[in-house]
Amino acid sequence: MEKGFCSFCGRALIPLEGYAELKDGGKACSHCVRKLRVMYPLKPFWDNNGMKRAEDPIEKLGSDEFAKCLEDVIEGTEGLRLRYGRHNAVFRVEEVKTEKKELLKPPTYYASGMVIYGCFDPEDRVSLVRKEGKTEFSLSDVRESSPFMLDTVTVEGKGGEPCILVFSGKAIACGPGDLIVRD
């Protein structure tokens, strides 16, 4: 079952939890990788078969670089918080799809993008930040990023990872480049 131990914290590496193999052969458990995900976000892409793939920049680090980054992660995250106005979590919108099911109900918005830092959960109260001002609303779901949006799984939107934020409302003008923040 185990694939060895984390080179940094000593946790057992369990394939179902995931782990990263570094370029010099060192291994990092999912807990240590999650700490660095804010500084080294996954770079998702869809292959020709419509399968979700992700390039992981953490796997290009050596063990010494990884250890140094673990020391600098708090400072790096605080730098992001200063840059984005000290919100608890920030999401950058890359694409928005809308769905209108019933005549008198507001449309449902599916904003796909990247959590820059922090976490988003279903039912979080958030704000859409645009040059024109802020619009407040509640999330109805946070989903795994998928090219098809069907059969997606509810997840916690974590810093450095792509996901889809789902919400409803009247005349919410949301587009690529907008930020959704949680205070």
Foldseek 3Di string as FASTA:
>chain_A
DFPAAAPPPGHTADPVQDWEQAPVGGIHHPVLVLLCLLVWFWAWDADPVQDIDTDGVRNDDDPVRSVVCSVCSVVVVVVVCVVVVNFQWKWFFAAKDWDDDDDPFFIKIKTKGATNAHKDAAQAWKWWQDPVGIDIFGWHFKWADGPVPPPTDGDIRHHSYIIITMGGDHPDDDGGGIMITGD
